[in-house]
PDB file of N, CA and C in Angstrom:
ATOM      1  N   UNK A   1      -4.646 -13.928  -5.794  1.00  0.00           N
ATOM      2  CA  UNK A   1      -4.287 -12.727  -4.957  1.00  0.00           C
ATOM      3  C   UNK A   1      -5.359 -11.853  -4.723  1.00  0.00           C
ATOM      4  N   UNK A   2      -5.805 -11.563  -3.361  1.00  0.00           N
ATOM      5  CA  UNK A   2      -6.844 -10.862  -2.828  1.00  0.00           C
ATOM      6  C   UNK A   2      -6.360  -8.971  -3.221  1.00  0.00           C
ATOM      7  N   UNK A   3      -7.453  -8.245  -2.959  1.00  0.00           N
ATOM      8  CA  UNK A   3      -7.088  -6.834  -3.271  1.00  0.00           C
ATOM      9  C   UNK A   3      -6.263  -6.444  -1.853  1.00  0.00           C
ATOM     10  N   UNK A   4      -6.364  -6.755  -0.856  1.00  0.00           N
ATOM     11  CA  UNK A   4      -5.552  -6.384   0.441  1.00  0.00           C
ATOM     12  C   UNK A   4      -4.148  -6.592  -0.187  1.00  0.00           C
ATOM     13  N   UNK A   5      -3.673  -7.818  -0.724  1.00  0.00           N
ATOM     14  CA  UNK A   5      -2.523  -8.369  -0.892  1.00  0.00           C
ATOM     15  C   UNK A   5      -1.730  -7.606  -1.928  1.00  0.00           C
ATOM     16  N   UNK A   6      -2.927  -7.148  -2.914  1.00  0.00           N
ATOM     17  CA  UNK A   6      -2.398  -6.262  -3.944  1.00  0.00           C
ATOM     18  C   UNK A   6      -2.198  -5.086  -3.504  1.00  0.00           C
ATOM     19  N   UNK A   7      -2.721  -4.447  -2.681  1.00  0.00           N
ATOM     20  CA  UNK A   7      -2.721  -2.909  -1.976  1.00  0.00           C
ATOM     21  C   UNK A   7      -1.033  -2.887  -1.252  1.00  0.00           C
ATOM     22  N   UNK A   8      -1.135  -3.800  -0.495  1.00  0.00           N
ATOM     23  CA  UNK A   8       0.273  -4.279   0.147  1.00  0.00           C
ATOM     24  C   UNK A   8       1.208  -4.286  -0.819  1.00  0.00           C
ATOM     25  N   UNK A   9       1.332  -5.169  -2.086  1.00  0.00           N
ATOM     26  CA  UNK A   9       2.455  -5.422  -2.724  1.00  0.00           C
ATOM     27  C   UNK A   9       2.653  -3.996  -3.420  1.00  0.00           C
ATOM     28  N   UNK A  10       1.442  -3.300  -3.740  1.00  0.00           N
ATOM     29  CA  UNK A  10       1.797  -1.766  -4.594  1.00  0.00           C
ATOM     30  C   UNK A  10       2.450  -0.956  -3.434  1.00  0.00           C
ATOM     31  N   UNK A  11       1.901  -1.091  -2.348  1.00  0.00           N
ATOM     32  CA  UNK A  11       2.486   0.124  -1.270  1.00  0.00           C
ATOM     33  C   UNK A  11       3.991   0.144  -0.766  1.00  0.00           C
ATOM     34  N   UNK A  12       4.277  -1.141  -0.900  1.00  0.00           N
ATOM     35  CA  UNK A  12       5.822  -1.613  -0.688  1.00  0.00           C
ATOM     36  C   UNK A  12       6.572  -0.985  -2.010  1.00  0.00           C
ATOM     37  N   UNK A  13       5.953  -1.607  -3.173  1.00  0.00           N
ATOM     38  CA  UNK A  13       6.866  -1.192  -4.210  1.00  0.00           C
ATOM     39  C   UNK A  13       7.010   0.475  -4.664  1.00  0.00           C
ATOM     40  N   UNK A  14       5.843   1.309  -4.348  1.00  0.00           N
ATOM     41  CA  UNK A  14       5.859   2.603  -4.349  1.00  0.00           C
ATOM     42  C   UNK A  14       6.596   3.147  -3.272  1.00  0.00           C
ATOM     43  N   UNK A  15       6.527   2.717  -2.348  1.00  0.00           N
ATOM     44  CA  UNK A  15       7.779   3.294  -1.050  1.00  0.00           C
ATOM     45  C   UNK A  15       8.970   2.844  -1.571  1.00  0.00           C
ATOM     46  N   UNK A  16       9.426   1.640  -1.782  1.00  0.00           N
ATOM     47  CA  UNK A  16      10.770   1.418  -2.229  1.00  0.00           C
ATOM     48  C   UNK A  16      11.172   2.496  -3.358  1.00  0.00           C
ATOM     49  N   UNK A  17      10.432   2.322  -4.326  1.00  0.00           N
ATOM     50  CA  UNK A  17      10.492   3.340  -5.214  1.00  0.00           C
ATOM     51  C   UNK A  17      10.892   4.971  -4.951  1.00  0.00           C
ATOM     52  N   UNK A  18      10.557   4.892  -4.136  1.00  0.00           N
ATOM     53  CA  UNK A  18      10.695   6.554  -3.289  1.00  0.00           C
ATOM     54  C   UNK A  18      11.767   6.654  -2.541  1.00  0.00           C
ATOM     55  N   UNK A  19      12.391   5.706  -2.045  1.00  0.00           N
ATOM     56  CA  UNK A  19      13.646   5.310  -1.413  1.00  0.00           C
ATOM     57  C   UNK A  19      13.197   5.684   0.373  1.00  0.00           C
ATOM     58  N   UNK A  20      12.081   5.151   0.423  1.00  0.00           N
ATOM     59  CA  UNK A  20      11.599   5.418   1.763  1.00  0.00           C
ATOM     60  C   UNK A  20      11.452   4.015   2.565  1.00  0.00           C
ATOM     61  N   UNK A  21      11.648   4.256   3.938  1.00  0.00           N
ATOM     62  CA  UNK A  21      11.817   3.121   4.876  1.00  0.00           C
ATOM     63  C   UNK A  21      10.243   3.094   5.267  1.00  0.00           C
ATOM     64  N   UNK A  22       9.723   1.973   5.979  1.00  0.00           N
ATOM     65  CA  UNK A  22       8.887   2.144   6.364  1.00  0.00           C
ATOM     66  C   UNK A  22       8.534   2.930   7.938  1.00  0.00           C
ATOM     67  N   UNK A  23       9.685   3.361   8.526  1.00  0.00           N
ATOM     68  CA  UNK A  23       9.852   4.332   9.187  1.00  0.00           C
ATOM     69  C   UNK A  23       9.371   5.536   8.738  1.00  0.00           C
ATOM     70  N   UNK A  24      10.310   5.941   7.680  1.00  0.00           N
ATOM     71  CA  UNK A  24      10.090   7.146   6.591  1.00  0.00           C
ATOM     72  C   UNK A  24       8.522   7.391   6.802  1.00  0.00           C
ATOM     73  N   UNK A  25       7.695   6.288   6.220  1.00  0.00           N
ATOM     74  CA  UNK A  25       6.261   6.427   5.681  1.00  0.00           C
ATOM     75  C   UNK A  25       5.401   7.064   6.906  1.00  0.00           C
ATOM     76  N   UNK A  26       6.098   6.217   8.196  1.00  0.00           N
ATOM     77  CA  UNK A  26       4.901   6.436   9.427  1.00  0.00           C
ATOM     78  C   UNK A  26       5.204   7.899   9.614  1.00  0.00           C
ATOM     79  N   UNK A  27       6.421   8.400   9.626  1.00  0.00           N
ATOM     80  CA  UNK A  27       6.465   9.805   9.635  1.00  0.00           C
ATOM     81  C   UNK A  27       5.581  10.784   8.921  1.00  0.00           C
ATOM     82  N   UNK A  28       5.570  10.402   7.607  1.00  0.00           N
ATOM     83  CA  UNK A  28       4.488  11.012   6.625  1.00  0.00           C
ATOM     84  C   UNK A  28       3.438  10.901   6.775  1.00  0.00           C
ATOM     85  N   UNK A  29       2.848  10.025   7.367  1.00  0.00           N
ATOM     86  CA  UNK A  29       1.370   9.395   7.475  1.00  0.00           C
ATOM     87  C   UNK A  29       0.697   9.614   8.623  1.00  0.00           C
ATOM     88  N   UNK A  30       1.827   9.195   9.503  1.00  0.00           N
ATOM     89  CA  UNK A  30       1.159   9.191  11.055  1.00  0.00           C
ATOM     90  C   UNK A  30       0.638   7.802  11.447  1.00  0.00           C
ATOM     91  N   UNK A  31       0.711   6.725  10.437  1.00  0.00           N
ATOM     92  CA  UNK A  31       0.378   5.332  10.552  1.00  0.00           C
ATOM     93  C   UNK A  31       1.591   4.512  11.236  1.00  0.00           C
ATOM     94  N   UNK A  32       1.433   3.658  12.243  1.00  0.00           N
ATOM     95  CA  UNK A  32       2.206   2.851  12.834  1.00  0.00           C
ATOM     96  C   UNK A  32       3.038   2.172  11.753  1.00  0.00           C
ATOM     97  N   UNK A  33       4.627   2.115  12.120  1.00  0.00           N
ATOM     98  CA  UNK A  33       5.302   1.187  11.234  1.00  0.00           C
ATOM     99  C   UNK A  33       4.897  -0.050  11.086  1.00  0.00           C
ATOM    100  N   UNK A  34       4.207  -0.540  12.503  1.00  0.00           N
ATOM    101  CA  UNK A  34       3.885  -2.139  12.318  1.00  0.00           C
ATOM    102  C   UNK A  34       2.713  -2.253  11.541  1.00  0.00           C
ATOM    103  N   UNK A  35       1.932  -1.269  11.845  1.00  0.00           N
ATOM    104  CA  UNK A  35       0.817  -1.301  10.802  1.00  0.00           C
ATOM    105  C   UNK A  35       1.034  -1.305   9.668  1.00  0.00           C
ATOM    106  N   UNK A  36       1.901  -0.593   9.015  1.00  0.00           N
ATOM    107  CA  UNK A  36       2.530  -0.222   7.296  1.00  0.00           C
ATOM    108  C   UNK A  36       3.188  -1.809   7.224  1.00  0.00           C
ATOM    109  N   UNK A  37       3.760  -2.240   8.029  1.00  0.00           N
ATOM    110  CA  UNK A  37       4.362  -3.820   7.724  1.00  0.00           C
ATOM    111  C   UNK A  37       3.220  -4.693   7.453  1.00  0.00           C
ATOM    112  N   UNK A  38       2.192  -4.929   8.307  1.00  0.00           N
ATOM    113  CA  UNK A  38       1.273  -5.622   8.038  1.00  0.00           C
ATOM    114  C   UNK A  38       0.275  -5.389   6.791  1.00  0.00           C
ATOM    115  N   UNK A  39       0.282  -4.462   6.567  1.00  0.00           N
ATOM    116  CA  UNK A  39      -0.711  -3.526   5.473  1.00  0.00           C
ATOM    117  C   UNK A  39       0.470  -4.779   4.115  1.00  0.00           C
ATOM    118  N   UNK A  40       1.524  -4.020   3.973  1.00  0.00           N
ATOM    119  CA  UNK A  40       2.432  -4.474   3.027  1.00  0.00           C
ATOM    120  C   UNK A  40       2.470  -6.196   3.017  1.00  0.00           C
ATOM    121  N   UNK A  41       2.052  -6.881   3.508  1.00  0.00           N
ATOM    122  CA  UNK A  41       2.305  -8.055   4.230  1.00  0.00           C
ATOM    123  C   UNK A  41       0.818  -8.661   3.519  1.00  0.00           C
ATOM    124  N   UNK A  42      -0.052  -8.024   3.438  1.00  0.00           N
ATOM    125  CA  UNK A  42      -1.310  -8.332   3.134  1.00  0.00           C
ATOM    126  C   UNK A  42      -2.147  -8.931   4.523  1.00  0.00           C
ATOM    127  N   UNK A  43      -1.709  -8.248   5.710  1.00  0.00           N
ATOM    128  CA  UNK A  43      -2.364  -8.950   6.938  1.00  0.00           C
ATOM    129  C   UNK A  43      -3.277  -7.893   7.589  1.00  0.00           C
ATOM    130  N   UNK A  44      -3.218  -6.872   7.039  1.00  0.00           N
ATOM    131  CA  UNK A  44      -4.183  -5.641   7.673  1.00  0.00           C
ATOM    132  C   UNK A  44      -5.167  -5.410   6.335  1.00  0.00           C
ATOM    133  N   UNK A  45      -6.402  -5.016   6.542  1.00  0.00           N
ATOM    134  CA  UNK A  45      -7.261  -4.718   5.762  1.00  0.00           C
ATOM    135  C   UNK A  45      -7.422  -3.000   5.765  1.00  0.00           C
ATOM    136  N   UNK A  46      -6.825  -2.299   5.038  1.00  0.00           N
ATOM    137  CA  UNK A  46      -6.445  -0.464   5.337  1.00  0.00           C
ATOM    138  C   UNK A  46      -7.749  -0.053   5.221  1.00  0.00           C
ATOM    139  N   UNK A  47      -7.944   1.137   5.738  1.00  0.00           N
ATOM    140  CA  UNK A  47      -9.289   1.874   5.353  1.00  0.00           C
ATOM    141  C   UNK A  47      -9.283   2.650   4.267  1.00  0.00           C
ATOM    142  N   UNK A  48     -10.351   3.470   3.870  1.00  0.00           N
ATOM    143  CA  UNK A  48     -10.135   4.384   2.602  1.00  0.00           C
ATOM    144  C   UNK A  48      -9.033   5.512   3.297  1.00  0.00           C
ATOM    145  N   UNK A  49      -9.346   5.975   4.648  1.00  0.00           N
ATOM    146  CA  UNK A  49      -8.626   7.081   4.863  1.00  0.00           C
ATOM    147  C   UNK A  49      -7.140   6.423   4.882  1.00  0.00           C
ATOM    148  N   UNK A  50      -6.850   5.553   5.531  1.00  0.00           N
ATOM    149  CA  UNK A  50      -5.470   5.008   5.177  1.00  0.00           C
ATOM    150  C   UNK A  50      -4.705   5.060   3.926  1.00  0.00           C
ATOM    151  N   UNK A  51      -5.537   4.474   2.870  1.00  0.00           N
ATOM    152  CA  UNK A  51      -5.268   4.356   1.429  1.00  0.00           C
ATOM    153  C   UNK A  51      -4.744   6.015   1.139  1.00  0.00           C
ATOM    154  N   UNK A  52      -5.992   6.707   1.561  1.00  0.00           N
ATOM    155  CA  UNK A  52      -5.381   8.362   1.068  1.00  0.00           C
ATOM    156  C   UNK A  52      -4.307   8.835   1.776  1.00  0.00           C
ATOM    157  N   UNK A  53      -3.922   8.967   2.881  1.00  0.00           N
ATOM    158  CA  UNK A  53      -2.610   9.044   3.492  1.00  0.00           C
ATOM    159  C   UNK A  53      -1.736   8.394   2.579  1.00  0.00           C
ATOM    160  N   UNK A  54      -1.544   7.320   2.458  1.00  0.00           N
ATOM    161  CA  UNK A  54      -0.407   6.778   1.814  1.00  0.00           C
ATOM    162  C   UNK A  54      -0.248   7.090   0.576  1.00  0.00           C
ATOM    163  N   UNK A  55      -1.170   7.341  -0.297  1.00  0.00           N
ATOM    164  CA  UNK A  55      -1.246   7.686  -1.520  1.00  0.00           C
ATOM    165  C   UNK A  55      -0.667   9.098  -1.593  1.00  0.00           C
ATOM    166  N   UNK A  56      -1.109   9.990  -0.496  1.00  0.00           N
ATOM    167  CA  UNK A  56      -0.664  11.348  -0.623  1.00  0.00           C
ATOM    168  C   UNK A  56       0.698  11.480  -0.357  1.00  0.00           C
ATOM    169  N   UNK A  57       1.189  10.550   0.553  1.00  0.00           N
ATOM    170  CA  UNK A  57       2.546  10.573   1.308  1.00  0.00           C
ATOM    171  C   UNK A  57       3.433  10.182   0.017  1.00  0.00           C
ATOM    172  N   UNK A  58       3.280   9.166  -0.742  1.00  0.00           N
ATOM    173  CA  UNK A  58       3.781   8.438  -1.749  1.00  0.00           C
ATOM    174  C   UNK A  58       3.842   9.494  -2.837  1.00  0.00           C
ATOM    175  N   UNK A  59       2.901  10.154  -3.382  1.00  0.00           N
ATOM    176  CA  UNK A  59       2.443  11.035  -4.420  1.00  0.00           C
ATOM    177  C   UNK A  59       2.048  10.240  -5.477  1.00  0.00           C
ATOM    178  N   UNK A  60       1.199   9.538  -5.184  1.00  0.00           N
ATOM    179  CA  UNK A  60       0.601   8.403  -6.328  1.00  0.00           C
ATOM    180  C   UNK A  60      -0.767   8.787  -6.163  1.00  0.00           C
ATOM    181  N   UNK A  61      -1.637   8.278  -7.390  1.00  0.00           N
ATOM    182  CA  UNK A  61      -2.867   8.431  -7.354  1.00  0.00           C
ATOM    183  C   UNK A  61      -3.580   7.204  -6.434  1.00  0.00           C
ATOM    184  N   UNK A  62      -4.694   7.264  -6.125  1.00  0.00           N
ATOM    185  CA  UNK A  62      -4.925   6.125  -5.443  1.00  0.00           C
ATOM    186  C   UNK A  62      -5.259   4.778  -5.821  1.00  0.00           C
ATOM    187  N   UNK A  63      -5.527   5.156  -7.249  1.00  0.00           N
ATOM    188  CA  UNK A  63      -6.031   3.697  -7.953  1.00  0.00           C
ATOM    189  C   UNK A  63      -4.764   2.789  -8.171  1.00  0.00           C
ATOM    190  N   UNK A  64      -3.544   3.842  -8.134  1.00  0.00           N
ATOM    191  CA  UNK A  64      -2.201   3.171  -8.393  1.00  0.00           C
ATOM    192  C   UNK A  64      -1.878   2.180  -7.467  1.00  0.00           C
ATOM    193  N   UNK A  65      -2.325   2.078  -5.739  1.00  0.00           N
ATOM    194  CA  UNK A  65      -2.273   1.561  -4.811  1.00  0.00           C
ATOM    195  C   UNK A  65      -3.029   0.077  -5.091  1.00  0.00           C
ATOM    196  N   UNK A  66      -4.123   0.149  -5.833  1.00  0.00           N
ATOM    197  CA  UNK A  66      -5.079  -0.868  -5.958  1.00  0.00           C
ATOM    198  C   UNK A  66      -4.939  -1.676  -7.328  1.00  0.00           C
ATOM    199  N   UNK A  67      -3.916  -0.777  -7.908  1.00  0.00           N
ATOM    200  CA  UNK A  67      -3.911  -1.778  -9.733  1.00  0.00           C
ATOM    201  C   UNK A  67      -3.568  -3.168  -9.596  1.00  0.00           C
ATOM    202  N   UNK A  68      -4.138  -4.000 -10.213  1.00  0.00           N
ATOM    203  CA  UNK A  68      -3.953  -5.322 -10.200  1.00  0.00           C
ATOM    204  C   UNK A  68      -2.407  -5.777 -11.148  1.00  0.00           C
ATOM    205  N   UNK A  69      -1.676  -6.522 -10.710  1.00  0.00           N
ATOM    206  CA  UNK A  69      -0.326  -6.761 -11.333  1.00  0.00           C
ATOM    207  C   UNK A  69      -0.754  -7.525 -12.689  1.00  0.00           C
ATOM    208  N   UNK A  70       0.375  -7.408 -13.433  1.00  0.00           N
ATOM    209  CA  UNK A  70       0.051  -7.621 -15.100  1.00  0.00           C
ATOM    210  C   UNK A  70      -0.245  -9.183 -14.786  1.00  0.00           C
ATOM    211  N   UNK A  71      -1.470  -9.688 -15.849  1.00  0.00           N
ATOM    212  CA  UNK A  71      -1.704 -11.065 -15.821  1.00  0.00           C
ATOM    213  C   UNK A  71      -2.883 -11.324 -15.038  1.00  0.00           C
ATOM    214  N   UNK A  72      -3.104 -10.715 -13.833  1.00  0.00           N
ATOM    215  CA  UNK A  72      -4.101 -10.810 -12.913  1.00  0.00           C
ATOM    216  C   UNK A  72      -5.292 -10.636 -13.199  1.00  0.00           C
ATOM    217  N   UNK A  73      -6.435 -11.620 -12.926  1.00  0.00           N
ATOM    218  CA  UNK A  73      -7.625 -11.461 -13.509  1.00  0.00           C
ATOM    219  C   UNK A  73      -8.669 -10.839 -12.218  1.00  0.00           C
ATOM    220  N   UNK A  74      -9.902 -10.452 -12.638  1.00  0.00           N
ATOM    221  CA  UNK A  74     -10.615  -9.909 -11.454  1.00  0.00           C
ATOM    222  C   UNK A  74     -12.230 -10.730 -11.843  1.00  0.00           C
ATOM    223  N   UNK A  75     -12.776 -11.201 -10.922  1.00  0.00           N
ATOM    224  CA  UNK A  75     -12.290 -11.359  -9.488  1.00  0.00           C
ATOM    225  C   UNK A  75     -11.636 -12.469  -9.104  1.00  0.00           C
ATOM    226  N   UNK A  76     -10.600 -12.506  -8.094  1.00  0.00           N
ATOM    227  CA  UNK A  76      -9.724 -13.518  -8.036  1.00  0.00           C
ATOM    228  C   UNK A  76     -10.530 -14.692  -7.771  1.00  0.00           C
ATOM    229  N   UNK A  77      -9.793 -15.777  -7.880  1.00  0.00           N
ATOM    230  CA  UNK A  77     -10.332 -17.443  -7.703  1.00  0.00           C
ATOM    231  C   UNK A  77     -10.001 -17.684  -6.430  1.00  0.00           C
TER     232      UNK A  77
END
């Protein structure tokens, strides 16, 4: 799993934990829902600014969105 996929998975988990839809997150960040969907599926490589906006909107530390899943190793194979 590469870092783009890790980020997307973590965004989805954090968003769902807050009970937010992708549309809700769009409203909080100004990032289009379709772009959020692509990020969550690991299809978009987000900018640092996007990471910041999402972290603020979800009230999480940026590093939480980059945290590797349990048992994952770095660098990816």
